[in-house]
Amino acid sequence: MSDAGHPAPLRIQAAGETHIGGREHNEDAILLRPDLDLFLVADGAGGHNAGNLASALATATAAHYFESTLAEAAHAPTFDEMGLSWSARRLATAFQRANREIREIAAGSARREGMGTTLVAAYFDLPNATLVLGHVGDSRCYRLRDGRLERLTQDHTLINDVLEIQPDMDLDRARALPKNVITNALGMEDRVRVSVRTHEVAPGDR
């Protein structure tokens, strides 16, 4: 507790690392922007190093949008007149800007055709002690709290999409579905479906 009897303000500590694994090129990108309370992980895909470019574009474009809206964010209400979270809309807009950037770059080069990337973004609204979490694709976010590990994102994959529509599907048919087909990523379409959720943040969360 602080001297005034109020809880001490939350602070964030962050670190990032990627590993190339068995691939020829590292197509992962991590961007840590504690000055923006924004943390990003992307996993690119595409030939001729295009996946590496897509993931770098996604993280840089999302961060740039947050930079350009700092002044607006400082005076924005928690919820807009429609009752929607302003921070969630800001994060989803950053994804759309990144998607547009990737589509434009891909359209200008045959070598980059079809490039895309997953993206998971964590924006911490510290005055409200909340985490605004957005993602496309199958890059994940987990939370470790009080020794319990919980996945906060659901992969945008064919099997998950099918089971949302047909939860009563026969088990044998479900087992036969391909497990690693991504149905949503930046660069796939002109507009992207962004899953955004808000979570409370507690001291000690990882």
Protein backbone atom coordinates (compact mmCIF):
# COMPACT_ATOMS: atom_id res chain seq x y z
CA MET A 1 0.00 0.00 0.00
CA SER A 2 1.13 3.56 -0.58
CA ASP A 3 1.31 6.21 2.13
CA ALA A 4 -2.06 7.63 1.08
CA GLY A 5 -3.72 4.26 1.66
CA HIS A 6 -4.15 3.50 -2.03
CA PRO A 7 -2.65 0.49 -3.83
CA ALA A 8 0.69 1.18 -5.48
CA PRO A 9 0.36 1.73 -9.25
CA LEU A 10 0.94 -1.32 -11.40
CA ARG A 11 4.19 -1.51 -13.32
CA ILE A 12 5.25 -3.81 -16.15
CA GLN A 13 8.51 -5.67 -16.63
CA ALA A 14 9.03 -7.23 -20.06
CA ALA A 15 11.54 -9.33 -21.98
CA GLY A 16 11.40 -11.13 -25.32
CA GLU A 17 13.25 -13.81 -27.24
CA THR A 18 12.72 -15.70 -30.49
CA HIS A 19 14.19 -18.99 -31.69
CA ILE A 20 14.58 -19.97 -35.33
CA GLY A 21 13.91 -23.66 -34.66
CA GLY A 22 14.44 -25.88 -37.69
CA ARG A 23 13.55 -23.24 -40.27
CA GLU A 24 15.87 -21.52 -42.73
CA HIS A 25 14.63 -18.04 -41.77
CA ASN A 26 13.36 -16.67 -38.48
CA GLU A 27 9.90 -15.37 -39.33
CA ASP A 28 9.00 -14.38 -35.77
CA ALA A 29 8.92 -10.79 -34.58
CA ILE A 30 8.66 -9.44 -31.04
CA LEU A 31 8.17 -5.79 -30.21
CA LEU A 32 8.26 -4.53 -26.64
CA ARG A 33 7.07 -0.95 -26.19
CA PRO A 34 6.74 -0.25 -22.47
CA ASP A 35 6.50 3.46 -23.32
CA LEU A 36 3.19 2.60 -25.03
CA ASP A 37 2.24 -0.23 -22.62
CA LEU A 38 2.11 -2.35 -25.79
CA PHE A 39 3.68 -5.79 -26.34
CA LEU A 40 3.49 -7.72 -29.63
CA VAL A 41 4.37 -11.17 -30.97
CA ALA A 42 3.98 -12.17 -34.64
CA ASP A 43 4.73 -15.35 -36.60
CA GLY A 44 5.08 -14.71 -40.31
CA ALA A 45 4.49 -17.00 -43.28
CA GLY A 46 5.39 -16.79 -46.97
CA GLY A 47 8.22 -17.63 -49.32
CA HIS A 48 11.36 -15.63 -50.20
CA ASN A 49 11.66 -14.18 -46.69
CA ALA A 50 8.18 -12.64 -47.05
CA GLY A 51 7.06 -14.07 -43.70
CA ASN A 52 9.87 -12.24 -41.97
CA LEU A 53 8.78 -9.00 -43.66
CA ALA A 54 5.11 -9.55 -42.81
CA SER A 55 5.75 -10.08 -39.09
CA ALA A 56 8.07 -7.05 -38.93
CA LEU A 57 5.53 -4.89 -40.77
CA ALA A 58 2.71 -6.01 -38.48
CA THR A 59 4.50 -5.16 -35.25
CA ALA A 60 5.95 -1.88 -36.52
CA THR A 61 2.66 -0.67 -38.02
CA ALA A 62 0.65 -1.50 -34.91
CA ALA A 63 3.14 0.34 -32.71
CA HIS A 64 3.18 3.33 -35.06
CA TYR A 65 -0.60 3.58 -34.86
CA PHE A 66 -0.41 3.63 -31.06
CA GLU A 67 2.23 6.36 -31.25
CA SER A 68 0.05 8.45 -33.56
CA THR A 69 -2.98 8.17 -31.23
CA LEU A 70 -1.24 8.91 -27.91
CA ALA A 71 -2.73 12.36 -27.50
CA GLU A 72 -6.22 11.15 -28.40
CA ALA A 73 -5.91 8.19 -26.02
CA ALA A 74 -4.94 10.46 -23.12
CA HIS A 75 -8.34 12.17 -23.27
CA ALA A 76 -10.50 9.29 -24.45
CA PRO A 77 -13.31 7.89 -22.28
CA THR A 78 -13.10 4.30 -21.06
CA PHE A 79 -16.20 3.52 -23.15
CA ASP A 80 -17.59 5.36 -26.16
CA GLU A 81 -21.20 6.48 -26.63
CA MET A 82 -22.11 3.00 -27.89
CA GLY A 83 -20.76 1.37 -24.73
CA LEU A 84 -17.73 -0.10 -26.52
CA SER A 85 -14.28 -0.12 -24.98
CA TRP A 86 -12.23 2.69 -26.51
CA SER A 87 -8.96 0.82 -25.82
CA ALA A 88 -10.31 -2.33 -27.50
CA ARG A 89 -11.34 -0.37 -30.59
CA ARG A 90 -7.94 1.31 -30.69
CA LEU A 91 -6.16 -2.05 -30.56
CA ALA A 92 -8.43 -3.60 -33.22
CA THR A 93 -7.81 -0.58 -35.46
CA ALA A 94 -4.05 -1.11 -35.12
CA PHE A 95 -4.56 -4.64 -36.44
CA GLN A 96 -6.55 -3.36 -39.41
CA ARG A 97 -3.81 -0.83 -40.24
CA ALA A 98 -1.18 -3.59 -40.08
CA ASN A 99 -3.31 -5.82 -42.30
CA ARG A 100 -3.70 -3.05 -44.89
CA GLU A 101 0.06 -2.38 -44.90
CA ILE A 102 0.86 -6.06 -45.48
CA ARG A 103 -1.73 -6.33 -48.29
CA GLU A 104 -0.33 -3.27 -50.05
CA ILE A 105 3.28 -4.47 -49.87
CA ALA A 106 2.31 -7.98 -51.02
CA ALA A 107 0.38 -6.60 -53.99
CA GLY A 108 3.46 -4.78 -55.25
CA SER A 109 5.70 -7.83 -55.64
CA ALA A 110 5.13 -11.32 -57.02
CA ARG A 111 7.82 -12.60 -54.62
CA ARG A 112 5.72 -11.42 -51.69
CA GLU A 113 2.34 -12.64 -52.92
CA GLY A 114 0.51 -14.54 -50.21
CA MET A 115 2.65 -13.32 -47.35
CA GLY A 116 0.96 -13.00 -44.00
CA THR A 117 1.42 -13.26 -40.27
CA THR A 118 -0.29 -14.04 -37.03
CA LEU A 119 -0.30 -11.32 -34.37
CA VAL A 120 -1.05 -11.29 -30.67
CA ALA A 121 -0.98 -7.94 -28.90
CA ALA A 122 -1.20 -7.07 -25.23
CA TYR A 123 -2.08 -3.49 -24.32
CA PHE A 124 -2.07 -2.66 -20.63
CA ASP A 125 -4.53 0.01 -19.54
CA LEU A 126 -2.79 0.47 -16.20
CA PRO A 127 -5.00 3.24 -14.72
CA ASN A 128 -7.92 0.81 -15.02
CA ALA A 129 -5.82 -2.27 -14.12
CA THR A 130 -6.87 -4.06 -17.28
CA LEU A 131 -5.20 -5.99 -20.10
CA VAL A 132 -6.69 -5.48 -23.55
CA LEU A 133 -5.70 -8.54 -25.56
CA GLY A 134 -6.10 -8.84 -29.33
CA HIS A 135 -5.08 -11.63 -31.68
CA VAL A 136 -5.41 -13.14 -35.14
CA GLY A 137 -4.18 -16.61 -36.07
CA ASP A 138 -2.70 -19.14 -33.69
CA SER A 139 -0.09 -17.16 -31.76
CA ARG A 140 -1.16 -17.42 -28.14
CA CYS A 141 -1.18 -15.53 -24.87
CA TYR A 142 -1.07 -17.32 -21.54
CA ARG A 143 -1.43 -15.90 -18.04
CA LEU A 144 0.31 -17.34 -15.01
CA ARG A 145 -1.49 -16.33 -11.82
CA ASP A 146 -1.05 -17.90 -8.38
CA GLY A 147 0.64 -20.94 -9.90
CA ARG A 148 -2.18 -21.55 -12.42
CA LEU A 149 -1.47 -21.28 -16.16
CA GLU A 150 -4.45 -20.20 -18.28
CA ARG A 151 -4.64 -19.68 -22.04
CA LEU A 152 -6.35 -16.37 -22.81
CA THR A 153 -6.63 -16.76 -26.60
CA GLN A 154 -8.32 -19.30 -28.84
CA ASP A 155 -6.54 -20.27 -32.06
CA HIS A 156 -8.16 -19.20 -35.32
CA THR A 157 -7.90 -22.64 -36.91
CA LEU A 158 -10.15 -24.78 -39.08
CA ILE A 159 -10.89 -27.28 -36.31
CA ASN A 160 -11.91 -24.55 -33.85
CA ASP A 161 -14.06 -22.78 -36.44
CA VAL A 162 -15.85 -26.02 -37.38
CA LEU A 163 -16.47 -27.00 -33.76
CA GLU A 164 -17.92 -23.56 -33.00
CA ILE A 165 -20.55 -24.15 -35.68
CA GLN A 166 -20.94 -27.91 -35.12
CA PRO A 167 -20.11 -28.59 -31.46
CA ASP A 168 -22.02 -31.89 -31.68
CA MET A 169 -19.85 -33.22 -34.52
CA ASP A 170 -19.07 -36.91 -34.34
CA LEU A 171 -15.74 -37.50 -32.58
CA ASP A 172 -14.28 -39.53 -35.45
CA ARG A 173 -15.06 -36.72 -37.93
CA ALA A 174 -13.54 -34.16 -35.57
CA ARG A 175 -10.35 -36.22 -35.25
CA ALA A 176 -10.07 -36.35 -39.06
CA LEU A 177 -9.98 -32.54 -39.39
CA PRO A 178 -6.53 -31.04 -40.06
CA LYS A 179 -5.12 -29.59 -36.85
CA ASN A 180 -2.86 -26.78 -38.09
CA VAL A 181 -4.84 -24.99 -40.80
CA ILE A 182 -5.07 -21.28 -39.91
CA THR A 183 -8.29 -19.58 -41.02
CA ASN A 184 -7.45 -16.02 -39.99
CA ALA A 185 -4.24 -14.01 -40.28
CA LEU A 186 -3.01 -10.60 -41.32
CA GLY A 187 -2.63 -10.47 -45.10
CA MET A 188 -5.27 -13.07 -45.98
CA GLU A 189 -8.14 -10.69 -46.79
CA ASP A 190 -8.74 -6.95 -47.16
CA ARG A 191 -10.35 -6.89 -43.71
CA VAL A 192 -9.37 -9.11 -40.81
CA ARG A 193 -11.47 -10.45 -37.93
CA VAL A 194 -9.71 -9.44 -34.71
CA SER A 195 -10.56 -11.19 -31.46
CA VAL A 196 -10.30 -8.67 -28.61
CA ARG A 197 -10.92 -9.36 -24.93
CA THR A 198 -10.35 -7.36 -21.76
CA HIS A 199 -9.00 -8.98 -18.59
CA GLU A 200 -8.38 -7.67 -15.10
CA VAL A 201 -4.73 -7.38 -14.12
CA ALA A 202 -3.48 -8.35 -10.66
CA PRO A 203 -0.06 -7.76 -9.10
CA GLY A 204 2.23 -10.71 -9.83
CA ASP A 205 0.53 -11.73 -13.08
CA ARG A 206 2.88 -13.09 -15.72
